[in-house]
Protein backbone atom coordinates (compact mmCIF):
# COMPACT_ATOMS: atom_id res chain seq x y z
CA MET A 1 13.29 20.69 53.89
CA ILE A 2 12.61 21.14 50.63
CA GLN A 3 9.56 20.27 48.29
CA GLN A 4 10.14 19.05 45.13
CA SER A 5 8.04 21.10 41.91
CA PRO A 6 5.32 18.59 40.42
CA SER A 7 7.72 16.63 37.12
CA ILE A 8 7.18 17.77 34.14
CA ASP A 9 6.56 15.48 31.15
CA VAL A 10 9.99 17.22 28.99
CA ASP A 11 9.14 14.70 26.19
CA GLN A 12 5.68 15.29 26.00
CA MET A 13 6.67 19.27 25.98
CA ARG A 14 8.96 18.92 22.90
CA ARG A 15 7.36 17.19 21.31
CA GLU A 16 4.53 19.84 21.42
CA ARG A 17 7.24 22.30 20.74
CA ASP A 18 8.14 20.19 17.74
CA LEU A 19 4.92 20.34 16.29
CA TYR A 20 4.47 23.32 16.57
CA ARG A 21 7.13 24.63 14.68
CA ARG A 22 7.23 22.25 12.25
CA LEU A 23 2.51 23.47 12.06
CA LEU A 24 4.45 26.73 11.05
CA ASP A 25 6.44 25.33 8.65
CA LEU A 26 3.58 23.76 6.94
CA GLY A 27 1.85 26.62 6.46
CA ALA A 28 4.66 27.73 3.63
CA GLN A 29 3.39 25.22 1.94
CA THR A 30 1.72 26.58 -1.97
CA GLU A 31 0.66 22.85 -3.23
CA ILE A 32 -1.98 20.64 -1.81
CA ARG A 33 0.24 17.42 -2.57
CA PRO A 34 3.25 18.40 -0.43
CA LEU A 35 1.85 19.96 2.23
CA LEU A 36 0.10 16.42 2.96
CA ALA A 37 2.95 14.05 2.28
CA GLU A 38 4.58 16.33 4.73
CA ALA A 39 2.06 16.84 7.02
CA LEU A 40 1.72 13.32 7.45
CA GLY A 41 5.08 13.01 7.73
CA LEU A 42 5.10 15.00 10.52
CA VAL A 43 2.63 13.23 12.46
CA VAL A 44 3.57 9.98 11.86
CA ASP A 45 6.85 11.17 13.34
CA ILE A 46 5.62 12.75 16.52
CA LEU A 47 3.29 10.11 17.52
CA ALA A 48 5.81 7.22 16.01
CA ALA A 49 3.68 5.53 14.39
CA ARG A 50 3.92 2.58 12.31
CA LEU A 51 1.60 3.65 9.46
CA GLY A 52 -0.57 6.64 8.37
CA TYR A 53 -2.97 7.67 6.19
CA LEU A 54 -4.35 10.91 5.23
CA GLU A 55 -7.80 11.26 3.44
CA LEU A 56 -9.28 14.32 1.91
CA PHE A 57 -13.05 14.76 0.65
CA ASP A 58 -14.35 16.08 -2.23
CA ASP A 59 -17.72 17.03 -1.04
CA GLN A 60 -19.24 17.01 2.81
CA GLY A 61 -22.78 14.63 2.04
CA ALA A 62 -23.25 11.13 2.43
CA GLU A 63 -21.14 9.91 -0.35
CA ARG A 64 -18.56 11.08 0.67
CA ALA A 65 -15.69 10.46 -2.70
CA THR A 66 -12.10 10.84 -1.98
CA ARG A 67 -9.78 14.03 -3.28
CA TRP A 68 -6.35 13.87 -1.93
CA SER A 69 -5.36 10.78 -0.51
CA MET A 70 -1.55 10.66 1.09
CA ALA A 71 -0.39 7.23 2.96
CA HIS A 72 3.13 6.53 5.07
CA GLY A 73 4.94 3.73 5.36
CA LEU A 74 3.48 2.10 2.78
CA SER A 75 4.48 0.88 -0.86
CA ALA A 76 2.30 1.60 -3.76
CA ALA A 77 1.36 -1.65 -3.97
CA GLU A 78 -0.10 -2.18 -0.23
CA ILE A 79 -1.37 2.12 -0.38
CA GLU A 80 -5.29 0.00 -2.19
CA ASP A 81 -5.30 -2.24 0.31
CA VAL A 82 -5.39 -0.19 3.03
CA ARG A 83 -7.85 2.33 1.54
CA ALA A 84 -10.17 -0.23 1.76
CA ALA A 85 -9.35 -1.81 4.54
CA VAL A 86 -9.90 2.11 6.68
CA SER A 87 -12.81 3.62 4.20
CA GLN A 88 -15.20 1.52 6.58
CA GLY A 89 -15.61 0.25 10.42
CA ILE A 90 -12.88 2.80 12.40
CA VAL A 91 -12.90 5.89 9.80
CA ALA A 92 -16.27 5.39 9.21
CA GLU A 93 -17.17 5.39 12.63
CA ALA A 94 -14.82 8.81 13.74
CA LEU A 95 -16.60 10.39 10.65
CA ALA A 96 -19.95 9.72 11.75
CA THR A 97 -19.74 11.41 15.33
CA GLY A 98 -17.55 13.76 14.38
CA LYS A 99 -14.88 12.21 17.28
CA THR A 100 -11.49 10.29 17.55
CA ILE A 101 -12.11 7.22 17.87
CA SER A 102 -8.24 6.29 20.08
CA THR A 103 -8.48 2.27 21.25
CA PRO A 104 -5.08 0.25 21.75
CA SER A 105 -6.27 -2.33 19.98
CA ALA A 106 -9.20 -2.61 17.80
CA LEU A 107 -9.40 -6.25 17.95
CA LEU A 108 -9.94 -6.39 21.47
CA ASP A 109 -12.24 -2.99 20.93
CA ALA A 110 -16.23 -4.11 21.27
CA ARG A 111 -17.21 -1.35 19.32
CA PHE A 112 -14.44 -2.88 15.79
CA GLN A 113 -13.79 -6.54 16.94
CA SER A 114 -16.73 -8.07 14.16
CA ARG A 115 -15.80 -5.29 11.59
CA GLU A 116 -13.86 -7.44 8.69
CA SER A 117 -10.81 -5.05 7.75
CA VAL A 118 -10.16 -5.12 11.09
CA GLN A 119 -10.11 -8.89 11.48
CA ILE A 120 -8.36 -9.45 8.65
CA ARG A 121 -5.87 -6.92 9.07
CA ARG A 122 -5.67 -8.19 12.73
CA ILE A 123 -6.18 -3.85 13.49
CA GLU A 124 -3.93 -2.80 17.07
CA ALA A 125 -3.42 0.10 18.04
CA VAL A 126 -5.08 2.42 16.58
CA LEU A 127 -5.97 6.80 16.62
CA CYS A 128 -8.35 8.37 13.27
CA ALA A 129 -8.91 11.73 13.80
CA PRO A 130 -11.20 13.99 11.92
CA ILE A 131 -10.10 17.29 9.96
CA GLY A 132 -12.63 20.20 10.36
CA GLN A 133 -15.94 19.73 11.99
CA ASP A 134 -19.34 19.97 10.54
CA PRO A 135 -18.65 17.76 8.66
CA PRO A 136 -15.25 16.95 8.53
CA VAL A 137 -13.35 17.84 5.45
CA GLY A 138 -10.79 14.39 5.77
CA VAL A 139 -9.60 12.70 8.06
CA LEU A 140 -6.35 11.00 10.07
CA TYR A 141 -5.62 7.17 10.48
CA LEU A 142 -2.65 6.27 12.57
CA GLN A 143 -1.98 2.40 13.09
CA GLY A 144 0.19 0.21 15.68
CA ARG A 145 3.62 1.65 17.13
CA SER A 146 7.26 0.48 18.06
CA GLY A 147 7.17 -1.76 20.37
CA ALA A 148 3.18 -3.09 20.53
CA ARG A 149 2.50 0.64 22.67
CA PRO A 150 -1.03 1.82 22.50
CA PHE A 151 -1.58 5.70 21.99
CA THR A 152 -1.57 7.94 25.16
CA ASP A 153 -4.51 10.42 26.24
CA GLU A 154 -1.14 13.02 25.04
CA ASP A 155 -1.24 11.41 21.43
CA ARG A 156 -5.06 11.72 21.38
CA ASP A 157 -4.62 15.27 22.36
CA ILE A 158 -1.58 15.97 19.16
CA ALA A 159 -3.51 13.98 17.12
CA GLU A 160 -6.96 16.44 17.16
CA LEU A 161 -4.26 19.68 17.55
CA PHE A 162 -2.79 18.40 14.64
CA SER A 163 -6.11 18.17 12.64
CA ARG A 164 -7.61 21.37 13.58
CA GLN A 165 -4.50 23.17 12.38
CA LEU A 166 -4.12 21.17 8.72
CA ALA A 167 -7.27 21.93 8.20
CA PRO A 168 -7.12 25.70 7.25
CA LEU A 169 -4.47 24.77 5.64
CA VAL A 170 -5.99 22.38 3.69
CA HIS A 171 -9.09 24.91 2.33
CA ARG A 172 -6.18 28.25 1.80
CA LEU A 173 -4.26 25.13 -0.62
CA LEU A 174 -8.18 24.00 -2.32
CA THR A 175 -9.50 27.49 -2.47
CA ARG A 176 -6.49 28.71 -4.33
CA GLU A 177 -6.37 25.48 -6.85
CA GLN A 178 -9.93 26.26 -7.17
CA SER A 179 -8.47 29.16 -9.13
CA VAL A 180 -5.75 27.72 -11.42
CA ALA A 181 -6.73 26.02 -14.38
CA ASP A 182 -7.06 22.13 -13.73
CA SER A 183 -7.73 20.27 -16.41
CA THR A 184 -8.57 16.40 -14.42
CA ARG A 185 -11.15 18.29 -11.86
CA PRO A 186 -14.76 17.69 -13.01
CA LEU A 187 -13.21 13.94 -13.83
CA ARG A 188 -11.57 13.05 -10.17
CA THR A 189 -14.91 13.35 -8.69
CA ARG A 190 -16.71 10.65 -11.08
CA LEU A 191 -13.80 9.25 -11.80
CA ARG A 192 -11.45 6.67 -9.21
CA LEU A 193 -8.42 7.91 -10.43
CA ASP A 194 -6.03 6.58 -8.30
CA SER A 195 -2.46 8.22 -8.19
CA VAL A 196 -3.42 9.46 -11.66
CA VAL A 197 -1.17 12.88 -11.34
CA GLY A 198 -1.68 15.95 -13.12
CA ARG A 199 -3.90 18.22 -14.37
CA SER A 200 -2.88 19.14 -17.29
CA GLU A 201 -4.98 19.61 -20.89
CA ALA A 202 -2.97 17.22 -22.89
CA LEU A 203 -4.08 14.02 -19.21
CA GLY A 204 -7.71 15.74 -19.26
CA VAL A 205 -8.77 15.20 -22.72
CA LEU A 206 -7.15 11.79 -21.99
CA LEU A 207 -9.28 11.14 -18.91
CA ARG A 208 -12.27 12.80 -20.72
CA GLN A 209 -11.91 9.69 -23.19
CA VAL A 210 -11.22 7.57 -20.44
CA ALA A 211 -14.85 8.06 -18.64
CA LEU A 212 -16.55 7.26 -21.97
CA ILE A 213 -14.89 4.18 -22.46
CA ALA A 214 -14.84 3.15 -19.11
CA PRO A 215 -18.37 2.31 -18.78
CA LEU A 216 -18.87 -0.19 -22.72
CA ASP A 217 -17.53 -3.27 -23.02
CA VAL A 218 -15.32 -3.54 -26.02
CA SER A 219 -11.49 -3.79 -26.52
CA VAL A 220 -9.24 -1.21 -26.65
CA LEU A 221 -6.11 -0.61 -28.05
CA LEU A 222 -3.84 2.14 -25.98
CA THR A 223 -1.14 3.80 -28.48
CA GLY A 224 1.89 5.82 -27.64
CA GLN A 225 5.26 6.26 -26.34
CA SER A 226 7.53 3.89 -23.46
CA GLY A 227 7.03 4.89 -20.46
CA THR A 228 3.91 7.15 -20.84
CA GLY A 229 2.19 4.87 -18.26
CA LYS A 230 -0.56 2.85 -21.20
CA THR A 231 -0.33 0.00 -17.88
CA GLN A 232 -1.94 2.24 -15.25
CA ILE A 233 -4.47 3.78 -17.69
CA ALA A 234 -5.84 0.11 -18.47
CA ARG A 235 -6.17 -0.36 -15.06
CA VAL A 236 -8.33 3.16 -14.89
CA ILE A 237 -10.44 2.20 -17.12
CA HIS A 238 -10.82 -1.19 -15.42
CA ASP A 239 -11.27 0.32 -12.39
CA ASN A 240 -14.05 2.48 -13.30
CA SER A 241 -15.78 -0.82 -15.98
CA PRO A 242 -19.07 -2.61 -14.77
CA ARG A 243 -15.36 -5.24 -13.74
CA ALA A 244 -13.83 -3.76 -11.15
CA GLY A 245 -14.34 -6.43 -8.71
CA GLN A 246 -13.14 -8.68 -10.75
CA PRO A 247 -9.67 -9.66 -11.66
CA PHE A 248 -7.08 -7.45 -13.86
CA VAL A 249 -4.61 -9.27 -15.13
CA GLU A 250 -1.66 -8.27 -17.56
CA VAL A 251 0.59 -9.98 -19.78
CA ASN A 252 3.42 -8.22 -21.15
CA CYS A 253 3.38 -9.91 -24.83
CA ALA A 254 7.08 -9.40 -25.68
CA ALA A 255 8.60 -11.20 -22.60
CA LEU A 256 7.45 -14.51 -23.60
CA PRO A 257 8.93 -16.60 -26.69
CA GLU A 258 6.40 -17.49 -29.15
CA ALA A 259 6.62 -21.41 -27.46
CA LEU A 260 5.75 -20.89 -24.92
CA PHE A 261 3.29 -17.78 -24.91
CA GLU A 262 0.17 -19.96 -26.04
CA SER A 263 0.36 -21.79 -23.39
CA GLU A 264 0.48 -19.11 -20.89
CA LEU A 265 -2.86 -17.25 -22.93
CA PHE A 266 -4.40 -20.30 -23.18
CA GLY A 267 -3.54 -22.99 -20.73
CA ALA A 268 -2.85 -26.70 -21.75
CA LEU A 269 -4.19 -29.42 -20.64
CA PRO A 270 -2.05 -32.75 -19.41
CA GLY A 271 0.10 -33.74 -21.75
CA ALA A 272 -0.27 -31.04 -24.37
CA HIS A 273 3.77 -30.14 -24.50
CA SER A 274 6.37 -31.40 -21.98
CA THR A 275 5.92 -29.19 -18.77
CA ALA A 276 2.31 -29.93 -19.16
CA THR A 277 2.16 -32.59 -15.87
CA ARG A 278 -1.43 -31.24 -14.69
CA ARG A 279 -3.83 -28.89 -16.22
CA LEU A 280 -2.13 -25.21 -16.49
CA LEU A 281 -5.24 -22.39 -16.72
CA GLY A 282 -3.96 -19.42 -18.57
CA LYS A 283 -3.97 -15.85 -18.47
CA VAL A 284 -7.61 -15.88 -20.55
CA ALA A 285 -8.78 -17.85 -17.99
CA GLY A 286 -7.18 -15.38 -14.82
CA ALA A 287 -8.91 -12.99 -16.08
CA GLU A 288 -12.48 -14.68 -16.36
CA GLY A 289 -15.03 -11.99 -16.11
CA GLY A 290 -12.40 -8.79 -15.43
CA THR A 291 -10.43 -7.59 -17.93
CA LEU A 292 -7.22 -8.92 -20.01
CA LEU A 293 -4.51 -6.29 -20.81
CA LEU A 294 -2.54 -7.68 -23.53
CA ASP A 295 1.18 -5.16 -23.79
CA GLU A 296 3.02 -4.95 -26.61
CA VAL A 297 0.71 -6.46 -28.79
CA GLY A 298 2.20 -5.65 -31.75
CA ASP A 299 4.91 -8.09 -30.26
CA LEU A 300 2.27 -10.93 -30.79
CA SER A 301 3.15 -13.73 -33.66
CA LEU A 302 1.29 -13.72 -36.64
CA PRO A 303 0.05 -17.47 -35.50
CA VAL A 304 -0.61 -16.49 -32.02
CA GLN A 305 -2.27 -13.00 -33.65
CA ALA A 306 -5.06 -15.40 -35.21
CA LYS A 307 -5.50 -17.73 -32.19
CA LEU A 308 -6.77 -13.97 -30.10
CA LEU A 309 -8.49 -12.92 -33.10
CA HIS A 310 -10.62 -16.19 -32.48
CA LEU A 311 -11.29 -15.36 -28.83
CA LEU A 312 -12.27 -11.16 -29.70
CA GLN A 313 -14.64 -12.89 -32.66
CA SER A 314 -16.37 -16.03 -30.78
CA LYS A 315 -15.77 -15.58 -26.87
CA GLN A 316 -14.17 -18.72 -26.90
CA TYR A 317 -10.44 -20.21 -26.99
CA TYR A 318 -9.03 -23.67 -26.87
CA PRO A 319 -6.43 -24.60 -24.55
CA LEU A 320 -3.44 -26.64 -26.46
CA GLY A 321 -4.07 -29.38 -26.72
CA ALA A 322 -7.95 -29.29 -25.91
CA THR A 323 -10.85 -30.33 -28.46
CA ALA A 324 -13.49 -28.73 -27.46
CA PRO A 325 -13.18 -24.84 -26.78
CA VAL A 326 -14.38 -22.36 -23.90
CA ASP A 327 -16.11 -19.66 -23.15
CA ALA A 328 -13.85 -16.58 -21.85
CA ASP A 329 -15.94 -13.80 -20.38
CA VAL A 330 -12.77 -11.30 -20.85
CA ARG A 331 -12.87 -7.49 -21.92
CA ILE A 332 -9.68 -7.08 -23.80
CA ILE A 333 -6.84 -4.17 -23.67
CA ALA A 334 -4.30 -3.75 -25.37
CA ALA A 335 -1.46 -1.48 -26.07
CA THR A 336 1.98 -0.84 -28.01
CA ASN A 337 3.93 1.87 -28.55
CA ALA A 338 4.50 0.15 -32.07
CA ASP A 339 2.75 1.94 -35.50
CA LEU A 340 0.20 -1.16 -36.48
CA GLU A 341 -0.42 0.48 -39.22
CA THR A 342 3.24 -0.06 -40.82
CA ALA A 343 2.72 -3.48 -39.73
CA VAL A 344 -0.21 -4.07 -41.45
CA ALA A 345 1.02 -2.13 -44.29
CA GLU A 346 4.00 -4.66 -44.26
CA ARG A 347 2.22 -7.92 -43.17
CA ARG A 348 3.52 -8.30 -39.64
CA PHE A 349 0.51 -7.78 -38.09
CA ARG A 350 -2.91 -9.03 -38.59
CA GLU A 351 -5.35 -6.12 -40.98
CA ASP A 352 -8.27 -7.67 -39.28
CA LEU A 353 -7.33 -8.52 -35.64
CA PHE A 354 -5.61 -4.53 -35.82
CA TYR A 355 -9.47 -3.34 -36.73
CA ARG A 356 -11.30 -5.52 -33.97
CA LEU A 357 -8.65 -4.35 -31.44
CA GLN A 358 -8.76 -0.84 -32.50
CA VAL A 359 -12.96 -0.19 -32.03
CA LEU A 360 -11.70 2.59 -29.60
CA PRO A 361 -8.20 3.63 -30.15
CA LEU A 362 -7.14 5.51 -27.71
CA ARG A 363 -3.99 7.47 -27.48
CA VAL A 364 -1.73 8.37 -23.64
CA PRO A 365 0.27 11.76 -24.33
CA ALA A 366 3.75 12.18 -24.26
CA LEU A 367 5.34 13.76 -20.97
CA ALA A 368 6.46 16.57 -23.28
CA GLU A 369 2.48 17.00 -23.79
CA ARG A 370 1.88 17.50 -20.27
CA ARG A 371 5.09 19.55 -19.29
CA SER A 372 2.86 21.48 -16.89
CA ASP A 373 2.32 18.04 -14.68
CA ILE A 374 6.20 17.73 -14.46
CA VAL A 375 6.94 18.66 -10.65
CA GLU A 376 3.58 17.56 -9.51
CA LEU A 377 4.81 14.07 -10.36
CA ALA A 378 8.39 14.30 -9.26
CA THR A 379 6.53 15.40 -5.78
CA PHE A 380 5.15 11.85 -6.24
CA PHE A 381 7.24 10.10 -7.13
CA CYS A 382 9.58 11.21 -4.47
CA GLY A 383 7.03 11.00 -1.87
CA GLN A 384 6.70 7.63 -2.92
CA ALA A 385 9.94 5.92 -2.98
CA CYS A 386 10.48 7.29 0.84
CA ALA A 387 7.74 5.37 1.13
CA ASN A 388 9.31 2.27 -0.93
CA HIS A 389 12.29 2.29 0.55
CA ALA A 390 11.81 2.78 4.53
CA LEU A 391 13.66 6.59 3.78
CA PRO A 392 13.63 10.22 5.48
CA ARG A 393 11.20 12.41 4.92
CA VAL A 394 12.71 14.51 1.89
CA THR A 395 11.71 16.78 -1.11
CA LEU A 396 13.08 18.46 -3.96
CA SER A 397 14.62 22.02 -4.27
CA ARG A 398 13.05 24.10 -6.66
CA GLU A 399 16.19 24.27 -8.39
CA ALA A 400 15.73 20.11 -9.09
CA LEU A 401 11.70 20.49 -9.76
CA ARG A 402 12.93 23.31 -11.94
CA ALA A 403 15.90 21.24 -13.69
CA ALA A 404 13.52 18.25 -14.15
CA GLU A 405 10.57 20.77 -15.65
CA VAL A 406 13.37 22.25 -18.56
CA ALA A 407 14.88 18.84 -18.71
CA GLU A 408 13.79 16.24 -22.65
CA TRP A 409 12.33 13.37 -20.84
CA PRO A 410 12.26 10.50 -23.80
CA GLY A 411 11.58 7.30 -21.88
CA ASN A 412 8.65 10.24 -20.51
CA VAL A 413 7.01 9.04 -16.60
CA ARG A 414 8.94 6.10 -16.47
CA GLN A 415 12.64 7.73 -16.72
CA LEU A 416 10.83 10.83 -14.77
CA ALA A 417 10.48 7.97 -11.91
CA HIS A 418 13.31 6.05 -12.01
CA ALA A 419 15.49 9.27 -11.81
CA VAL A 420 13.92 10.22 -9.04
CA GLU A 421 13.61 7.39 -7.01
CA ALA A 422 17.29 7.30 -7.71
CA ALA A 423 18.07 10.82 -6.77
CA THR A 424 15.74 10.45 -3.47
CA ILE A 425 18.33 8.02 -2.31
CA ARG A 426 21.16 9.48 -2.96
CA ALA A 427 20.03 12.58 -0.72
CA ALA A 428 18.99 10.39 1.48
CA GLY A 429 21.96 8.35 1.14
CA GLU A 430 24.36 11.93 2.03
CA GLY A 431 21.81 12.30 4.88
CA LEU A 432 20.08 15.29 3.29
CA ALA A 433 16.60 16.28 3.41
CA CYS A 434 16.10 17.83 -0.14
CA ILE A 435 17.35 16.45 -2.99
CA GLU A 436 19.44 18.77 -5.63
CA ARG A 437 19.94 19.20 -9.17
CA ARG A 438 23.01 16.93 -8.87
CA HIS A 439 21.20 14.28 -7.16
CA LEU A 440 18.30 14.52 -10.04
CA PHE A 441 21.46 14.77 -12.47
CA PRO A 442 24.39 13.14 -11.97
CA GLN A 443 26.01 13.08 -14.34
CA SER A 444 25.47 16.41 -15.52
CA GLY A 445 29.40 17.56 -15.38
CA THR A 446 29.98 21.78 -15.27
CA GLU A 447 28.42 24.35 -17.80
CA GLY A 448 31.82 24.63 -20.03
CA ASP A 449 31.82 21.93 -23.01
CA ASN A 450 35.30 20.88 -22.72
CA GLY A 451 34.95 17.99 -20.00
CA SER A 452 36.77 14.60 -19.87
CA GLU A 453 33.38 12.51 -19.35
CA PRO A 454 31.17 12.13 -22.37
CA LEU A 455 28.21 14.55 -22.23
CA THR A 456 25.03 12.32 -21.18
CA PHE A 457 21.90 12.68 -23.73
CA GLN A 458 20.27 14.86 -20.65
CA GLU A 459 23.09 17.64 -20.72
CA ALA A 460 23.69 17.98 -24.60
CA THR A 461 20.23 18.76 -25.35
CA ARG A 462 19.97 21.19 -21.94
CA ARG A 463 22.63 23.03 -23.20
CA PHE A 464 21.75 22.91 -26.91
CA HIS A 465 18.17 24.36 -25.18
CA VAL A 466 20.62 26.98 -23.48
CA ARG A 467 21.89 28.37 -26.51
CA LEU A 468 19.21 27.96 -28.35
CA LEU A 469 17.59 30.19 -25.82
CA ALA A 470 20.26 32.78 -24.90
CA SER A 471 20.26 33.25 -28.48
CA ALA A 472 16.57 33.96 -29.64
CA LEU A 473 16.84 36.79 -26.61
CA GLU A 474 19.60 38.22 -27.43
CA GLU A 475 18.73 38.80 -31.15
CA SER A 476 15.16 39.71 -29.99
CA GLY A 477 16.22 42.43 -27.04
CA TRP A 478 14.90 40.11 -24.54
CA ASN A 479 10.98 40.56 -25.88
CA VAL A 480 10.05 37.68 -24.61
CA MET A 481 7.06 37.66 -26.72
CA GLU A 482 8.72 37.55 -29.99
CA VAL A 483 10.83 34.90 -28.77
CA ALA A 484 7.87 32.51 -27.92
CA ARG A 485 6.13 33.35 -30.86
CA ARG A 486 9.95 32.79 -32.62
CA LEU A 487 10.24 28.75 -30.74
CA ASP A 488 6.43 27.81 -30.96
CA LEU A 489 6.58 28.16 -26.88
CA ALA A 490 3.90 29.75 -24.60
CA ARG A 491 5.03 32.92 -23.15
CA SER A 492 4.95 31.15 -18.86
CA HIS A 493 7.27 28.52 -20.74
CA VAL A 494 9.90 31.11 -21.59
CA TYR A 495 9.95 32.23 -18.11
CA THR A 496 9.99 29.40 -16.48
CA LEU A 497 12.89 28.49 -19.09
CA ILE A 498 15.13 31.83 -18.73
CA ARG A 499 14.68 31.02 -14.64
CA ALA A 500 15.64 27.59 -14.72
CA PHE A 501 19.18 28.08 -17.23
CA GLY A 502 19.22 30.86 -15.21
CA LEU A 503 19.33 33.11 -17.91
CA THR A 504 20.08 37.28 -17.62
CA ARG A 505 20.76 39.45 -20.00
CA ASP A 506 24.69 39.66 -18.91
CA ARG A 507 25.35 36.18 -19.36
CA THR A 508 23.72 36.12 -22.79
CA ARG A 509 25.66 38.51 -23.75
CA ARG A 510 28.58 37.03 -22.77
């Protein structure tokens, strides 16, 4: 009789093999955000989790400040809700004990069932492992599995192995990061900067101003080109103000007809106009106790400007049809890409309202002023697109990142975000794991200038830059310092352009 050998869990062996192989690949990462994105995608994939969240702390004291965070399987709007839900309860238990928490159902687990976050989110299977020890430097949180299955003991072992291997990789990159100029680093320990991506000096200057302005209960005027992120900065100001726990309400002044704007802003009593069959609460009432953002404030009509001035001066307003004023406890942040000083000179904008709004003016820099942030922004938007559209994990190739870094983005961060999102969808649609330059700039055409299709703005600008740089290099005998002086560029940026455009001495002489 032949004796059977003990059964071997082939699937388990394959999972562990894949984990080790992919952990080795993670060691090649040189940036912390891509490392975290790939690491979280890896463990979620290996353990078949529905939701994943990874958080690193800036210090290991009792008051831990989130330095880096990454979510998988969540839209951008859901990330903040999940962070609030997991920042207490199960995660707190794992960090306090330094031990992995595993439960088939947090709702039925006596340790956690009374927690508010567990009840609100109806949390079932959970696996939560601290990253590093004595004390932990972060935490891995996994929730839910397909088929409502619990996490097994083997899954727990894999999560702990993953966390042990991730800790030294994180430490290495954080140590390296400290040697790289980061103008925002001191501010990230003081401010809530959720989804604020970048380390440039221009962004650091902006955030230093935000740190001064946020605690003060005064009006703010945000200026800057379209697509620079004025709404996000308004949210940062609100989140770091005494009003942080109250509503943040945004009104797009350009999107509402003048006839409806007053009702939308101040509300209306029944019968005040044809559609007011009941009392309508306006945006000011909706923002009570919090912050009201008036985006594109330069588009307000003069009559509405007068009523807004009254609100700012008296902290009172009249709903349509009302005879008595209503008190308002709101902070006003206005944003515009228009030149309000010119509008005042041309009598299209009230001078007294202009000075009321710009008690503390704040200019949001264009993307051209923070070009060193483009690679990090593109990487962030790629991960966000994968999460929002439930796509397989896709990354940007070096060539695509270089092309993004040297391209012109007249639409600023918004244009970059949309371009990367579209590129991510194109690459995923082709079943590829890497975004190439053609996905990011699908209408670029070829290097020649004789194509039948008209050039896009991006491609025409890129070709001009290639010719200008090649000419300067040739005329200076490839003296990069001289080229940098002549073109008013940083020398490091000249080298970046040379690599991105693939220029060589032979090519410039052709």
